[in-house]
Amino acid sequence: MWHYERSIDADAAPSAVWARYTDVATWPEWNAGMEKMEISGPFASGSTGVITSAQQGPAAFTLVNVVDGVGFTQETKIDEHVTLRSHCKVVAGPNGGSTITHRTELDGPGSDEMGAAIGQFLSGGIDEGLDALAKAAG
């Protein structure tokens, strides 16, 4: 399994960050690589949608493990063997703010090799995206 993870402390309250997560139409405002994010149904486990990026075009995803106000996982099948998972979590942080963590992973047979090939692309926007999310929420 390949993965990349980063956490930051933000001035925004966890509820403000969570509000940004659940308003998927605003994701392109804080995720520079994203053109559009659409979801069918509520922001809840089992809901599906399409994420569109400039470099990769549209990709179907499923929300899993949604814990209201805390975190969620977004899953996308890369091929018949490898799944891309993006884990996003927000908890109370220092001084009334929050700690935001994003983890991206590839799982399944061949995921280490795929991570070596495309991991830099997958993780390239996480740092900037976290900083922009913190700013947008705060």
N, C-alpha and C. Protein backbone atom coordinates (compact mmCIF):
# COMPACT_ATOMS: atom_id res chain seq x y z
N MET A 1 0.84 -1.18 0.00
CA MET A 1 0.00 0.00 0.00
C MET A 1 0.89 1.24 0.00
N TRP A 2 0.55 2.18 -0.87
CA TRP A 2 1.23 3.47 -0.91
C TRP A 2 0.36 4.50 -0.20
N HIS A 3 0.98 5.48 0.49
CA HIS A 3 0.18 6.54 1.11
C HIS A 3 0.99 7.82 1.30
N TYR A 4 0.25 8.91 1.45
CA TYR A 4 0.81 10.22 1.79
C TYR A 4 -0.16 10.87 2.76
N GLU A 5 0.35 11.47 3.83
CA GLU A 5 -0.51 12.09 4.84
C GLU A 5 0.10 13.40 5.31
N ARG A 6 -0.77 14.36 5.57
CA ARG A 6 -0.33 15.63 6.14
C ARG A 6 -1.42 16.16 7.06
N SER A 7 -1.01 16.78 8.16
CA SER A 7 -1.91 17.45 9.10
C SER A 7 -1.44 18.88 9.30
N ILE A 8 -2.42 19.76 9.50
CA ILE A 8 -2.10 21.15 9.84
C ILE A 8 -3.02 21.61 10.95
N ASP A 9 -2.58 22.60 11.70
CA ASP A 9 -3.43 23.28 12.67
C ASP A 9 -3.97 24.53 12.00
N ALA A 10 -5.27 24.77 12.19
CA ALA A 10 -5.95 25.90 11.56
C ALA A 10 -6.66 26.73 12.62
N ASP A 11 -6.86 28.00 12.32
CA ASP A 11 -7.60 28.88 13.23
C ASP A 11 -9.10 28.59 13.21
N ALA A 12 -9.60 28.03 12.11
CA ALA A 12 -11.03 27.76 11.96
C ALA A 12 -11.49 26.67 12.92
N ALA A 13 -12.70 26.82 13.42
CA ALA A 13 -13.31 25.80 14.27
C ALA A 13 -13.58 24.54 13.45
N PRO A 14 -13.58 23.36 14.07
CA PRO A 14 -13.88 22.14 13.33
C PRO A 14 -15.21 22.21 12.58
N SER A 15 -16.22 22.85 13.17
CA SER A 15 -17.52 22.94 12.49
C SER A 15 -17.44 23.73 11.20
N ALA A 16 -16.57 24.74 11.14
CA ALA A 16 -16.41 25.53 9.92
C ALA A 16 -15.71 24.72 8.83
N VAL A 17 -14.74 23.91 9.22
CA VAL A 17 -14.07 23.03 8.26
C VAL A 17 -15.05 21.98 7.76
N TRP A 18 -15.82 21.39 8.67
CA TRP A 18 -16.79 20.38 8.28
C TRP A 18 -17.82 20.96 7.31
N ALA A 19 -18.23 22.19 7.52
CA ALA A 19 -19.18 22.84 6.62
C ALA A 19 -18.60 22.93 5.20
N ARG A 20 -17.31 23.16 5.08
CA ARG A 20 -16.66 23.19 3.77
C ARG A 20 -16.62 21.81 3.14
N TYR A 21 -16.34 20.78 3.95
CA TYR A 21 -16.35 19.42 3.42
C TYR A 21 -17.71 19.06 2.85
N THR A 22 -18.77 19.35 3.58
CA THR A 22 -20.10 18.90 3.17
C THR A 22 -20.69 19.72 2.04
N ASP A 23 -20.15 20.89 1.76
CA ASP A 23 -20.60 21.71 0.64
C ASP A 23 -19.67 21.43 -0.54
N VAL A 24 -19.87 20.27 -1.18
CA VAL A 24 -18.92 19.79 -2.19
C VAL A 24 -18.81 20.72 -3.39
N ALA A 25 -19.83 21.51 -3.66
CA ALA A 25 -19.76 22.44 -4.80
C ALA A 25 -18.65 23.47 -4.61
N THR A 26 -18.24 23.71 -3.37
CA THR A 26 -17.18 24.70 -3.10
C THR A 26 -15.78 24.09 -3.08
N TRP A 27 -15.66 22.78 -3.23
CA TRP A 27 -14.34 22.16 -3.17
C TRP A 27 -13.34 22.76 -4.17
N PRO A 28 -13.74 23.09 -5.40
CA PRO A 28 -12.76 23.69 -6.32
C PRO A 28 -12.19 25.02 -5.81
N GLU A 29 -12.86 25.67 -4.88
CA GLU A 29 -12.34 26.93 -4.32
C GLU A 29 -11.08 26.70 -3.48
N TRP A 30 -10.96 25.53 -2.87
CA TRP A 30 -9.79 25.27 -2.03
C TRP A 30 -8.93 24.11 -2.53
N ASN A 31 -9.35 23.47 -3.61
CA ASN A 31 -8.58 22.38 -4.20
C ASN A 31 -8.27 22.76 -5.65
N ALA A 32 -7.11 23.32 -5.87
CA ALA A 32 -6.76 23.91 -7.16
C ALA A 32 -6.81 22.93 -8.32
N GLY A 33 -6.59 21.65 -8.10
CA GLY A 33 -6.60 20.68 -9.18
C GLY A 33 -7.98 20.22 -9.58
N MET A 34 -8.99 20.65 -8.88
CA MET A 34 -10.34 20.19 -9.11
C MET A 34 -11.15 21.22 -9.89
N GLU A 35 -11.85 20.74 -10.91
CA GLU A 35 -12.73 21.62 -11.68
C GLU A 35 -14.16 21.59 -11.15
N LYS A 36 -14.61 20.38 -10.77
CA LYS A 36 -16.01 20.25 -10.33
C LYS A 36 -16.15 19.02 -9.44
N MET A 37 -17.05 19.12 -8.46
CA MET A 37 -17.35 18.01 -7.55
C MET A 37 -18.87 17.93 -7.45
N GLU A 38 -19.42 16.77 -7.75
CA GLU A 38 -20.86 16.57 -7.67
C GLU A 38 -21.15 15.33 -6.85
N ILE A 39 -22.24 15.38 -6.09
CA ILE A 39 -22.63 14.24 -5.27
C ILE A 39 -24.12 13.97 -5.47
N SER A 40 -24.47 12.69 -5.51
CA SER A 40 -25.87 12.28 -5.63
C SER A 40 -26.34 11.90 -4.24
N GLY A 41 -27.14 12.75 -3.64
CA GLY A 41 -27.64 12.46 -2.30
C GLY A 41 -26.91 13.25 -1.25
N PRO A 42 -27.17 12.89 0.00
CA PRO A 42 -26.57 13.63 1.12
C PRO A 42 -25.09 13.28 1.28
N PHE A 43 -24.39 14.09 2.06
CA PHE A 43 -22.99 13.82 2.39
C PHE A 43 -23.00 12.75 3.48
N ALA A 44 -23.10 11.49 3.04
CA ALA A 44 -23.25 10.38 3.97
C ALA A 44 -22.64 9.12 3.36
N SER A 45 -22.32 8.17 4.20
CA SER A 45 -21.78 6.90 3.73
C SER A 45 -22.70 6.29 2.69
N GLY A 46 -22.12 5.82 1.60
CA GLY A 46 -22.87 5.20 0.53
C GLY A 46 -23.23 6.13 -0.61
N SER A 47 -23.18 7.44 -0.38
CA SER A 47 -23.48 8.38 -1.47
C SER A 47 -22.37 8.32 -2.51
N THR A 48 -22.75 8.53 -3.76
CA THR A 48 -21.80 8.49 -4.86
C THR A 48 -21.77 9.83 -5.57
N GLY A 49 -20.75 10.01 -6.38
CA GLY A 49 -20.64 11.24 -7.13
C GLY A 49 -19.54 11.16 -8.16
N VAL A 50 -19.26 12.33 -8.74
CA VAL A 50 -18.22 12.44 -9.75
C VAL A 50 -17.34 13.63 -9.40
N ILE A 51 -16.05 13.39 -9.42
CA ILE A 51 -15.06 14.44 -9.22
C ILE A 51 -14.35 14.64 -10.56
N THR A 52 -14.23 15.90 -10.96
CA THR A 52 -13.60 16.21 -12.24
C THR A 52 -12.36 17.05 -12.00
N SER A 53 -11.23 16.56 -12.49
CA SER A 53 -9.98 17.31 -12.39
C SER A 53 -9.51 17.69 -13.79
N ALA A 54 -8.71 18.73 -13.86
CA ALA A 54 -8.21 19.20 -15.15
C ALA A 54 -7.36 18.15 -15.84
N GLN A 55 -6.53 17.43 -15.08
CA GLN A 55 -5.61 16.48 -15.69
C GLN A 55 -6.22 15.11 -15.95
N GLN A 56 -7.16 14.68 -15.12
CA GLN A 56 -7.68 13.31 -15.22
C GLN A 56 -9.10 13.21 -15.76
N GLY A 57 -9.81 14.32 -15.85
CA GLY A 57 -11.20 14.26 -16.28
C GLY A 57 -12.07 13.73 -15.16
N PRO A 58 -13.29 13.26 -15.48
CA PRO A 58 -14.22 12.81 -14.44
C PRO A 58 -13.87 11.43 -13.90
N ALA A 59 -14.12 11.24 -12.60
CA ALA A 59 -13.91 9.95 -11.95
C ALA A 59 -15.02 9.74 -10.93
N ALA A 60 -15.61 8.56 -10.94
CA ALA A 60 -16.67 8.23 -9.98
C ALA A 60 -16.07 7.96 -8.62
N PHE A 61 -16.80 8.32 -7.56
CA PHE A 61 -16.35 8.05 -6.20
C PHE A 61 -17.54 7.64 -5.34
N THR A 62 -17.22 7.03 -4.21
CA THR A 62 -18.20 6.67 -3.19
C THR A 62 -17.71 7.19 -1.85
N LEU A 63 -18.61 7.79 -1.08
CA LEU A 63 -18.27 8.19 0.29
C LEU A 63 -18.46 7.00 1.21
N VAL A 64 -17.48 6.74 2.05
CA VAL A 64 -17.57 5.65 3.03
C VAL A 64 -17.10 6.19 4.38
N ASN A 65 -17.52 5.55 5.40
CA ASN A 65 -17.08 5.90 6.76
C ASN A 65 -17.27 7.37 7.10
N VAL A 66 -18.41 7.95 6.71
CA VAL A 66 -18.68 9.34 7.05
C VAL A 66 -19.12 9.41 8.51
N VAL A 67 -18.40 10.19 9.30
CA VAL A 67 -18.74 10.44 10.70
C VAL A 67 -19.02 11.93 10.79
N ASP A 68 -20.28 12.28 10.95
CA ASP A 68 -20.71 13.67 10.91
C ASP A 68 -19.88 14.56 11.83
N GLY A 69 -19.34 15.61 11.26
CA GLY A 69 -18.56 16.57 12.03
C GLY A 69 -17.12 16.18 12.28
N VAL A 70 -16.73 14.98 11.85
CA VAL A 70 -15.38 14.48 12.16
C VAL A 70 -14.58 14.11 10.91
N GLY A 71 -15.12 13.26 10.05
CA GLY A 71 -14.32 12.83 8.92
C GLY A 71 -15.06 11.93 7.97
N PHE A 72 -14.38 11.58 6.89
CA PHE A 72 -14.95 10.72 5.86
C PHE A 72 -13.83 10.14 5.01
N THR A 73 -14.19 9.13 4.24
CA THR A 73 -13.29 8.55 3.25
C THR A 73 -13.99 8.59 1.91
N GLN A 74 -13.25 8.98 0.90
CA GLN A 74 -13.74 9.02 -0.48
C GLN A 74 -12.98 7.94 -1.24
N GLU A 75 -13.69 7.00 -1.87
CA GLU A 75 -13.05 5.91 -2.59
C GLU A 75 -13.30 6.01 -4.09
N THR A 76 -12.25 5.77 -4.87
CA THR A 76 -12.33 5.73 -6.32
C THR A 76 -11.57 4.51 -6.81
N LYS A 77 -12.21 3.70 -7.65
CA LYS A 77 -11.52 2.56 -8.25
C LYS A 77 -10.63 3.08 -9.38
N ILE A 78 -9.32 2.80 -9.26
CA ILE A 78 -8.37 3.20 -10.30
C ILE A 78 -8.41 2.20 -11.45
N ASP A 79 -8.41 0.93 -11.09
CA ASP A 79 -8.55 -0.16 -12.06
C ASP A 79 -9.18 -1.34 -11.32
N GLU A 80 -9.16 -2.51 -11.93
CA GLU A 80 -9.83 -3.66 -11.30
C GLU A 80 -9.15 -4.13 -10.02
N HIS A 81 -7.92 -3.66 -9.75
CA HIS A 81 -7.19 -4.11 -8.58
C HIS A 81 -6.93 -3.02 -7.53
N VAL A 82 -6.79 -1.79 -7.96
CA VAL A 82 -6.32 -0.72 -7.07
C VAL A 82 -7.43 0.29 -6.78
N THR A 83 -7.56 0.61 -5.49
CA THR A 83 -8.52 1.61 -5.03
C THR A 83 -7.76 2.80 -4.46
N LEU A 84 -8.19 4.00 -4.85
CA LEU A 84 -7.67 5.24 -4.29
C LEU A 84 -8.61 5.66 -3.17
N ARG A 85 -8.04 5.88 -1.99
CA ARG A 85 -8.83 6.34 -0.84
C ARG A 85 -8.26 7.67 -0.36
N SER A 86 -9.16 8.62 -0.16
CA SER A 86 -8.78 9.90 0.44
C SER A 86 -9.51 10.01 1.76
N HIS A 87 -8.76 10.03 2.85
CA HIS A 87 -9.31 10.15 4.20
C HIS A 87 -9.15 11.60 4.64
N CYS A 88 -10.23 12.19 5.09
CA CYS A 88 -10.21 13.58 5.56
C CYS A 88 -10.81 13.62 6.95
N LYS A 89 -10.11 14.30 7.87
CA LYS A 89 -10.54 14.32 9.26
C LYS A 89 -10.27 15.69 9.85
N VAL A 90 -11.19 16.16 10.71
CA VAL A 90 -11.01 17.41 11.43
C VAL A 90 -11.37 17.19 12.90
N VAL A 91 -10.50 17.63 13.78
CA VAL A 91 -10.73 17.52 15.22
C VAL A 91 -10.37 18.84 15.87
N ALA A 92 -10.81 19.01 17.10
CA ALA A 92 -10.46 20.22 17.84
C ALA A 92 -8.95 20.33 17.96
N GLY A 93 -8.45 21.52 17.72
CA GLY A 93 -7.02 21.76 17.78
C GLY A 93 -6.69 22.82 18.82
N PRO A 94 -5.50 23.36 18.74
CA PRO A 94 -5.08 24.36 19.72
C PRO A 94 -5.84 25.68 19.59
N ASN A 95 -6.03 26.34 20.72
CA ASN A 95 -6.59 27.69 20.78
C ASN A 95 -7.97 27.82 20.13
N GLY A 96 -8.80 26.81 20.26
CA GLY A 96 -10.15 26.87 19.70
C GLY A 96 -10.22 26.60 18.21
N GLY A 97 -9.10 26.31 17.61
CA GLY A 97 -9.07 26.01 16.18
C GLY A 97 -9.26 24.53 15.92
N SER A 98 -8.65 24.04 14.87
CA SER A 98 -8.81 22.64 14.50
C SER A 98 -7.50 22.07 13.97
N THR A 99 -7.43 20.76 13.98
CA THR A 99 -6.37 20.04 13.30
C THR A 99 -7.02 19.28 12.16
N ILE A 100 -6.53 19.53 10.95
CA ILE A 100 -7.09 18.92 9.74
C ILE A 100 -6.06 17.94 9.20
N THR A 101 -6.51 16.73 8.90
CA THR A 101 -5.62 15.70 8.36
C THR A 101 -6.20 15.17 7.06
N HIS A 102 -5.37 15.12 6.03
CA HIS A 102 -5.73 14.48 4.76
C HIS A 102 -4.72 13.37 4.50
N ARG A 103 -5.23 12.20 4.19
CA ARG A 103 -4.38 11.05 3.85
C ARG A 103 -4.89 10.47 2.54
N THR A 104 -3.99 10.25 1.61
CA THR A 104 -4.32 9.63 0.34
C THR A 104 -3.57 8.32 0.28
N GLU A 105 -4.28 7.27 -0.14
CA GLU A 105 -3.62 5.97 -0.24
C GLU A 105 -4.11 5.19 -1.45
N LEU A 106 -3.24 4.35 -1.94
CA LEU A 106 -3.56 3.38 -2.97
C LEU A 106 -3.48 2.02 -2.32
N ASP A 107 -4.50 1.18 -2.56
CA ASP A 107 -4.55 -0.12 -1.92
C ASP A 107 -4.93 -1.18 -2.94
N GLY A 108 -4.32 -2.33 -2.82
CA GLY A 108 -4.61 -3.46 -3.69
C GLY A 108 -3.35 -3.94 -4.37
N PRO A 109 -3.45 -5.10 -5.07
CA PRO A 109 -2.28 -5.63 -5.77
C PRO A 109 -1.73 -4.62 -6.78
N GLY A 110 -0.45 -4.36 -6.69
CA GLY A 110 0.19 -3.41 -7.59
C GLY A 110 0.15 -1.97 -7.12
N SER A 111 -0.40 -1.73 -5.92
CA SER A 111 -0.55 -0.35 -5.44
C SER A 111 0.80 0.31 -5.13
N ASP A 112 1.77 -0.47 -4.66
CA ASP A 112 3.09 0.12 -4.40
C ASP A 112 3.74 0.61 -5.70
N GLU A 113 3.64 -0.21 -6.73
CA GLU A 113 4.20 0.17 -8.02
C GLU A 113 3.46 1.37 -8.61
N MET A 114 2.14 1.36 -8.49
CA MET A 114 1.35 2.48 -8.98
C MET A 114 1.68 3.75 -8.20
N GLY A 115 1.86 3.61 -6.88
CA GLY A 115 2.23 4.75 -6.06
C GLY A 115 3.56 5.34 -6.48
N ALA A 116 4.52 4.47 -6.81
CA ALA A 116 5.82 4.96 -7.28
C ALA A 116 5.67 5.73 -8.59
N ALA A 117 4.72 5.32 -9.41
CA ALA A 117 4.53 5.95 -10.72
C ALA A 117 3.71 7.24 -10.65
N ILE A 118 2.64 7.25 -9.84
CA ILE A 118 1.73 8.41 -9.85
C ILE A 118 1.55 9.06 -8.48
N GLY A 119 2.26 8.57 -7.48
CA GLY A 119 2.09 9.09 -6.13
C GLY A 119 2.38 10.57 -6.01
N GLN A 120 3.40 11.05 -6.70
CA GLN A 120 3.73 12.47 -6.64
C GLN A 120 2.58 13.30 -7.21
N PHE A 121 1.96 12.82 -8.28
CA PHE A 121 0.81 13.52 -8.85
C PHE A 121 -0.35 13.52 -7.85
N LEU A 122 -0.63 12.36 -7.23
CA LEU A 122 -1.75 12.26 -6.30
C LEU A 122 -1.56 13.13 -5.06
N SER A 123 -0.34 13.21 -4.58
CA SER A 123 -0.08 13.95 -3.34
C SER A 123 0.29 15.41 -3.59
N GLY A 124 0.52 15.77 -4.84
CA GLY A 124 1.03 17.09 -5.17
C GLY A 124 0.20 18.26 -4.69
N GLY A 125 -1.10 18.13 -4.63
CA GLY A 125 -1.95 19.25 -4.23
C GLY A 125 -2.42 19.21 -2.79
N ILE A 126 -2.04 18.17 -2.04
CA ILE A 126 -2.56 18.03 -0.68
C ILE A 126 -2.10 19.17 0.22
N ASP A 127 -0.84 19.49 0.20
CA ASP A 127 -0.33 20.54 1.08
C ASP A 127 -1.01 21.88 0.81
N GLU A 128 -1.06 22.27 -0.47
CA GLU A 128 -1.69 23.53 -0.82
C GLU A 128 -3.19 23.49 -0.55
N GLY A 129 -3.82 22.35 -0.81
CA GLY A 129 -5.25 22.21 -0.57
C GLY A 129 -5.61 22.34 0.90
N LEU A 130 -4.80 21.75 1.77
CA LEU A 130 -5.04 21.90 3.21
C LEU A 130 -4.93 23.35 3.65
N ASP A 131 -3.90 24.02 3.18
CA ASP A 131 -3.72 25.43 3.53
C ASP A 131 -4.89 26.27 3.03
N ALA A 132 -5.34 26.02 1.80
CA ALA A 132 -6.46 26.77 1.23
C ALA A 132 -7.77 26.45 1.95
N LEU A 133 -7.97 25.18 2.34
CA LEU A 133 -9.16 24.80 3.09
C LEU A 133 -9.19 25.51 4.43
N ALA A 134 -8.07 25.53 5.12
CA ALA A 134 -8.01 26.21 6.42
C ALA A 134 -8.35 27.69 6.27
N LYS A 135 -7.84 28.31 5.23
CA LYS A 135 -8.11 29.74 4.98
C LYS A 135 -9.59 29.95 4.63
N ALA A 136 -10.13 29.10 3.76
CA ALA A 136 -11.53 29.25 3.34
C ALA A 136 -12.50 29.03 4.50
N ALA A 137 -12.14 28.13 5.42
CA ALA A 137 -13.02 27.83 6.56
C ALA A 137 -12.90 28.87 7.66
N GLY A 138 -11.79 29.59 7.69
CA GLY A 138 -11.54 30.49 8.81
C GLY A 138 -11.75 31.92 8.52
